């Protein structure tokens, strides 16, 4: 356990809000073990609730995850339009709004 490992090196765990962290010897180790167990259980329950919520949303037909920005591949224009079109596509991929009033 981390608390017992660091206490072997003369380091003491102190907390202003949790006075039980200063409990001596085996009682302190027991309290740290219980606190660790409670933290693991809370984490597990939170994970289970999250997964259940995602499953409910999926069953309702909601799209999950990050939305994919689709690109519409347009024909490349000739006569100076090539650079403008490439800049527009780069801005679209990067999610930027760009004013492309270029004089080419």
N, C-alpha and C. Protein backbone atom coordinates (compact mmCIF):
# COMPACT_ATOMS: atom_id res chain seq x y z
N UNK A 1 0.84 -1.18 0.00
CA UNK A 1 0.00 0.00 0.00
C UNK A 1 0.89 1.25 0.00
N UNK A 2 0.48 2.26 -0.71
CA UNK A 2 1.29 3.46 -0.89
C UNK A 2 1.59 4.15 0.44
N UNK A 3 0.60 4.29 1.30
CA UNK A 3 0.82 4.99 2.56
C UNK A 3 1.86 4.29 3.41
N UNK A 4 1.83 2.96 3.47
CA UNK A 4 2.83 2.24 4.27
C UNK A 4 4.21 2.31 3.61
N UNK A 5 4.26 2.32 2.27
CA UNK A 5 5.55 2.42 1.58
C UNK A 5 6.22 3.75 1.85
N UNK A 6 5.45 4.82 1.79
CA UNK A 6 6.08 6.12 2.02
C UNK A 6 6.37 6.36 3.49
N UNK A 7 5.59 5.75 4.38
CA UNK A 7 5.86 5.94 5.81
C UNK A 7 7.17 5.26 6.22
N UNK A 8 7.56 4.21 5.51
CA UNK A 8 8.84 3.54 5.78
C UNK A 8 10.03 4.48 5.54
N UNK A 9 9.81 5.49 4.71
CA UNK A 9 10.87 6.45 4.40
C UNK A 9 10.76 7.71 5.25
N UNK A 10 9.92 7.64 6.28
CA UNK A 10 9.80 8.77 7.20
C UNK A 10 8.84 9.85 6.74
N UNK A 11 8.06 9.57 5.71
CA UNK A 11 7.09 10.56 5.21
C UNK A 11 5.75 10.28 5.87
N UNK A 12 5.08 11.32 6.33
CA UNK A 12 3.80 11.17 7.02
C UNK A 12 2.69 11.77 6.16
N UNK A 13 1.59 11.06 6.04
CA UNK A 13 0.44 11.55 5.28
C UNK A 13 -0.43 12.36 6.22
N UNK A 14 -0.67 13.61 5.86
CA UNK A 14 -1.51 14.50 6.66
C UNK A 14 -2.63 15.05 5.78
N UNK A 15 -3.78 15.26 6.40
CA UNK A 15 -4.89 15.86 5.69
C UNK A 15 -5.60 16.81 6.64
N UNK A 16 -5.93 17.99 6.15
CA UNK A 16 -6.66 18.94 6.98
C UNK A 16 -8.13 18.56 7.12
N UNK A 17 -8.65 17.85 6.15
CA UNK A 17 -10.07 17.49 6.17
C UNK A 17 -10.32 16.08 6.69
N UNK A 18 -9.35 15.19 6.58
CA UNK A 18 -9.52 13.79 6.98
C UNK A 18 -8.55 13.48 8.12
N UNK A 19 -8.99 13.65 9.35
CA UNK A 19 -8.09 13.45 10.48
C UNK A 19 -7.70 11.99 10.67
N UNK A 20 -8.48 11.07 10.12
CA UNK A 20 -8.18 9.65 10.27
C UNK A 20 -6.87 9.26 9.58
N UNK A 21 -6.37 10.11 8.67
CA UNK A 21 -5.12 9.77 7.98
C UNK A 21 -3.93 9.76 8.94
N UNK A 22 -4.11 10.33 10.12
CA UNK A 22 -3.03 10.37 11.10
C UNK A 22 -3.14 9.22 12.11
N UNK A 23 -4.06 8.28 11.89
CA UNK A 23 -4.21 7.15 12.81
C UNK A 23 -2.92 6.34 12.82
N UNK A 24 -2.50 5.91 14.01
CA UNK A 24 -1.21 5.21 14.11
C UNK A 24 -1.28 3.74 13.70
N UNK A 25 -0.16 3.23 13.19
CA UNK A 25 0.06 1.81 12.97
C UNK A 25 -0.94 1.11 12.08
N UNK A 26 -1.36 -0.08 12.55
CA UNK A 26 -2.23 -0.94 11.75
C UNK A 26 -3.62 -0.35 11.56
N UNK A 27 -4.08 0.44 12.53
CA UNK A 27 -5.38 1.10 12.38
C UNK A 27 -5.36 2.05 11.19
N UNK A 28 -4.29 2.81 11.05
CA UNK A 28 -4.15 3.71 9.91
C UNK A 28 -4.13 2.96 8.59
N UNK A 29 -3.40 1.83 8.57
CA UNK A 29 -3.35 1.01 7.36
C UNK A 29 -4.73 0.47 7.01
N UNK A 30 -5.47 0.03 8.03
CA UNK A 30 -6.82 -0.48 7.81
C UNK A 30 -7.73 0.62 7.25
N UNK A 31 -7.65 1.81 7.81
CA UNK A 31 -8.50 2.92 7.34
C UNK A 31 -8.15 3.30 5.90
N UNK A 32 -6.85 3.29 5.57
CA UNK A 32 -6.45 3.57 4.19
C UNK A 32 -6.96 2.49 3.25
N UNK A 33 -6.89 1.23 3.68
CA UNK A 33 -7.39 0.14 2.85
C UNK A 33 -8.89 0.28 2.60
N UNK A 34 -9.63 0.64 3.64
CA UNK A 34 -11.08 0.82 3.49
C UNK A 34 -11.37 1.98 2.56
N UNK A 35 -10.65 3.09 2.71
CA UNK A 35 -10.86 4.25 1.84
C UNK A 35 -10.55 3.89 0.39
N UNK A 36 -9.49 3.10 0.18
CA UNK A 36 -9.15 2.66 -1.18
C UNK A 36 -10.23 1.77 -1.77
N UNK A 37 -10.77 0.88 -0.95
CA UNK A 37 -11.84 -0.01 -1.41
C UNK A 37 -13.08 0.80 -1.80
N UNK A 38 -13.44 1.78 -0.96
CA UNK A 38 -14.60 2.62 -1.25
C UNK A 38 -14.38 3.39 -2.55
N UNK A 39 -13.18 3.90 -2.75
CA UNK A 39 -12.89 4.64 -3.99
C UNK A 39 -13.00 3.73 -5.21
N UNK A 40 -12.50 2.49 -5.12
CA UNK A 40 -12.63 1.55 -6.24
C UNK A 40 -14.08 1.23 -6.53
N UNK A 41 -14.89 1.03 -5.48
CA UNK A 41 -16.31 0.72 -5.67
C UNK A 41 -17.04 1.90 -6.32
N UNK A 42 -16.74 3.12 -5.88
CA UNK A 42 -17.36 4.30 -6.48
C UNK A 42 -16.99 4.41 -7.96
N UNK A 43 -15.74 4.15 -8.27
CA UNK A 43 -15.28 4.21 -9.66
C UNK A 43 -15.99 3.15 -10.50
N UNK A 44 -16.11 1.95 -9.95
CA UNK A 44 -16.78 0.87 -10.67
C UNK A 44 -18.26 1.20 -10.90
N UNK A 45 -18.93 1.72 -9.90
CA UNK A 45 -20.35 2.08 -10.05
C UNK A 45 -20.53 3.20 -11.07
N UNK A 46 -19.63 4.18 -11.04
CA UNK A 46 -19.71 5.28 -12.01
C UNK A 46 -19.53 4.74 -13.43
N UNK A 47 -18.59 3.81 -13.60
CA UNK A 47 -18.37 3.21 -14.91
C UNK A 47 -19.60 2.43 -15.36
N UNK A 48 -20.19 1.66 -14.46
CA UNK A 48 -21.39 0.89 -14.81
C UNK A 48 -22.55 1.81 -15.20
N UNK A 49 -22.74 2.90 -14.44
CA UNK A 49 -23.82 3.85 -14.77
C UNK A 49 -23.58 4.50 -16.13
N UNK A 50 -22.33 4.84 -16.41
CA UNK A 50 -22.01 5.47 -17.70
C UNK A 50 -22.30 4.51 -18.84
N UNK A 51 -21.84 3.26 -18.70
CA UNK A 51 -22.08 2.27 -19.74
C UNK A 51 -23.57 2.01 -19.93
N UNK A 52 -24.33 1.95 -18.84
CA UNK A 52 -25.78 1.73 -18.94
C UNK A 52 -26.45 2.91 -19.65
N UNK A 53 -26.02 4.12 -19.33
CA UNK A 53 -26.58 5.30 -19.99
C UNK A 53 -26.27 5.32 -21.48
N UNK A 54 -25.05 4.96 -21.84
CA UNK A 54 -24.69 4.90 -23.25
C UNK A 54 -25.50 3.83 -23.98
N UNK A 55 -25.73 2.71 -23.33
CA UNK A 55 -26.52 1.65 -23.95
C UNK A 55 -27.98 2.09 -24.14
N UNK A 56 -28.54 2.78 -23.13
CA UNK A 56 -29.92 3.31 -23.27
C UNK A 56 -30.01 4.28 -24.43
N UNK A 57 -29.02 5.16 -24.54
CA UNK A 57 -29.01 6.14 -25.63
C UNK A 57 -28.89 5.43 -26.97
N UNK A 58 -28.04 4.42 -27.04
CA UNK A 58 -27.86 3.67 -28.29
C UNK A 58 -29.16 2.97 -28.69
N UNK A 59 -29.86 2.38 -27.71
CA UNK A 59 -31.12 1.70 -28.00
C UNK A 59 -32.21 2.67 -28.46
N UNK A 60 -32.11 3.93 -28.01
CA UNK A 60 -33.07 4.95 -28.45
C UNK A 60 -32.72 5.50 -29.84
N UNK A 61 -31.59 5.03 -30.38
CA UNK A 61 -31.20 5.45 -31.73
C UNK A 61 -30.34 6.69 -31.78
N UNK A 62 -29.86 7.15 -30.65
CA UNK A 62 -29.02 8.34 -30.65
C UNK A 62 -27.63 7.98 -31.14
N UNK A 63 -27.04 8.90 -31.88
CA UNK A 63 -25.67 8.71 -32.35
C UNK A 63 -24.72 9.08 -31.23
N UNK A 64 -23.79 8.19 -30.94
CA UNK A 64 -22.85 8.40 -29.86
C UNK A 64 -21.48 8.75 -30.42
N UNK A 65 -20.69 9.45 -29.62
CA UNK A 65 -19.33 9.78 -30.02
C UNK A 65 -19.24 11.10 -30.75
N UNK A 66 -18.06 11.39 -31.16
CA UNK A 66 -17.78 12.65 -31.85
C UNK A 66 -18.39 12.62 -33.24
N UNK A 67 -19.01 13.73 -33.62
CA UNK A 67 -19.58 13.82 -34.95
C UNK A 67 -18.48 13.94 -35.98
N UNK A 68 -18.63 13.21 -37.06
CA UNK A 68 -17.65 13.24 -38.13
C UNK A 68 -18.06 14.32 -39.13
N UNK A 69 -17.13 15.19 -39.42
CA UNK A 69 -17.39 16.22 -40.43
C UNK A 69 -17.15 15.62 -41.80
N UNK A 70 -18.17 15.61 -42.61
CA UNK A 70 -18.00 15.01 -43.93
C UNK A 70 -17.54 16.06 -44.93
N UNK A 71 -16.72 15.64 -45.82
CA UNK A 71 -16.24 16.53 -46.87
C UNK A 71 -16.98 16.20 -48.16
N UNK A 72 -17.42 17.21 -48.82
CA UNK A 72 -18.00 17.01 -50.15
C UNK A 72 -16.89 17.30 -51.14
N UNK A 73 -16.50 16.29 -51.88
CA UNK A 73 -15.42 16.49 -52.83
C UNK A 73 -15.97 17.15 -54.07
N UNK A 74 -15.55 18.37 -54.27
CA UNK A 74 -16.01 19.16 -55.39
C UNK A 74 -14.96 19.11 -56.49
N UNK A 75 -15.38 19.26 -57.70
CA UNK A 75 -14.39 19.29 -58.78
C UNK A 75 -13.44 20.47 -58.61
N UNK A 76 -12.16 20.20 -58.85
CA UNK A 76 -11.16 21.26 -58.74
C UNK A 76 -11.34 22.20 -59.92
N UNK A 77 -11.40 23.46 -59.58
CA UNK A 77 -11.61 24.48 -60.61
C UNK A 77 -10.30 24.86 -61.26
N UNK A 78 -10.35 25.19 -62.51
CA UNK A 78 -9.16 25.62 -63.25
C UNK A 78 -9.10 27.14 -63.30
N UNK A 79 -7.98 27.66 -63.75
CA UNK A 79 -7.84 29.10 -63.93
C UNK A 79 -7.76 29.87 -62.63
N UNK A 80 -6.93 29.46 -61.69
CA UNK A 80 -6.77 30.19 -60.43
C UNK A 80 -7.65 29.66 -59.32
N UNK A 81 -8.65 28.87 -59.65
CA UNK A 81 -9.54 28.35 -58.63
C UNK A 81 -8.94 27.21 -57.84
N UNK A 82 -7.86 26.63 -58.31
CA UNK A 82 -7.24 25.49 -57.64
C UNK A 82 -6.76 25.87 -56.24
N UNK A 83 -6.03 26.96 -56.11
CA UNK A 83 -5.52 27.38 -54.80
C UNK A 83 -6.68 27.73 -53.87
N UNK A 84 -7.65 28.46 -54.39
CA UNK A 84 -8.82 28.85 -53.60
C UNK A 84 -9.55 27.60 -53.09
N UNK A 85 -9.72 26.62 -53.97
CA UNK A 85 -10.44 25.41 -53.60
C UNK A 85 -9.65 24.60 -52.57
N UNK A 86 -8.33 24.52 -52.73
CA UNK A 86 -7.51 23.81 -51.75
C UNK A 86 -7.55 24.49 -50.38
N UNK A 87 -7.47 25.81 -50.37
CA UNK A 87 -7.57 26.54 -49.10
C UNK A 87 -8.92 26.34 -48.44
N UNK A 88 -9.98 26.30 -49.24
CA UNK A 88 -11.32 26.09 -48.70
C UNK A 88 -11.43 24.70 -48.07
N UNK A 89 -10.87 23.69 -48.74
CA UNK A 89 -10.91 22.33 -48.21
C UNK A 89 -10.09 22.19 -46.93
N UNK A 90 -8.92 22.84 -46.88
CA UNK A 90 -8.09 22.81 -45.68
C UNK A 90 -8.83 23.47 -44.52
N UNK A 91 -9.45 24.60 -44.78
CA UNK A 91 -10.21 25.29 -43.74
C UNK A 91 -11.39 24.43 -43.27
N UNK A 92 -12.04 23.75 -44.18
CA UNK A 92 -13.17 22.90 -43.83
C UNK A 92 -12.73 21.75 -42.94
N UNK A 93 -11.62 21.11 -43.30
CA UNK A 93 -11.10 20.01 -42.49
C UNK A 93 -10.70 20.49 -41.11
N UNK A 94 -10.09 21.66 -41.03
CA UNK A 94 -9.64 22.21 -39.74
C UNK A 94 -10.78 22.80 -38.94
N UNK A 95 -11.98 22.88 -39.51
CA UNK A 95 -13.13 23.45 -38.81
C UNK A 95 -13.06 24.96 -38.70
N UNK A 96 -12.42 25.60 -39.65
CA UNK A 96 -12.25 27.04 -39.63
C UNK A 96 -13.20 27.73 -40.59
N UNK A 97 -13.53 28.96 -40.28
CA UNK A 97 -14.28 29.79 -41.22
C UNK A 97 -13.28 30.78 -41.79
N UNK A 98 -13.11 30.76 -43.09
CA UNK A 98 -12.10 31.58 -43.73
C UNK A 98 -12.74 32.39 -44.84
N UNK A 99 -12.36 33.67 -44.90
CA UNK A 99 -12.83 34.53 -45.99
C UNK A 99 -11.83 34.38 -47.12
N UNK A 100 -12.24 33.77 -48.21
CA UNK A 100 -11.32 33.47 -49.31
C UNK A 100 -11.50 34.42 -50.48
N UNK A 101 -11.38 35.70 -50.21
CA UNK A 101 -11.45 36.68 -51.30
C UNK A 101 -10.05 36.93 -51.81
N UNK A 102 -9.49 35.94 -52.43
CA UNK A 102 -8.13 36.03 -52.95
C UNK A 102 -8.13 36.56 -54.37
N UNK A 103 -7.13 37.32 -54.69
CA UNK A 103 -6.97 37.79 -56.06
C UNK A 103 -5.79 37.04 -56.63
N UNK A 104 -6.09 36.08 -57.47
CA UNK A 104 -5.04 35.24 -58.05
C UNK A 104 -4.93 35.51 -59.52
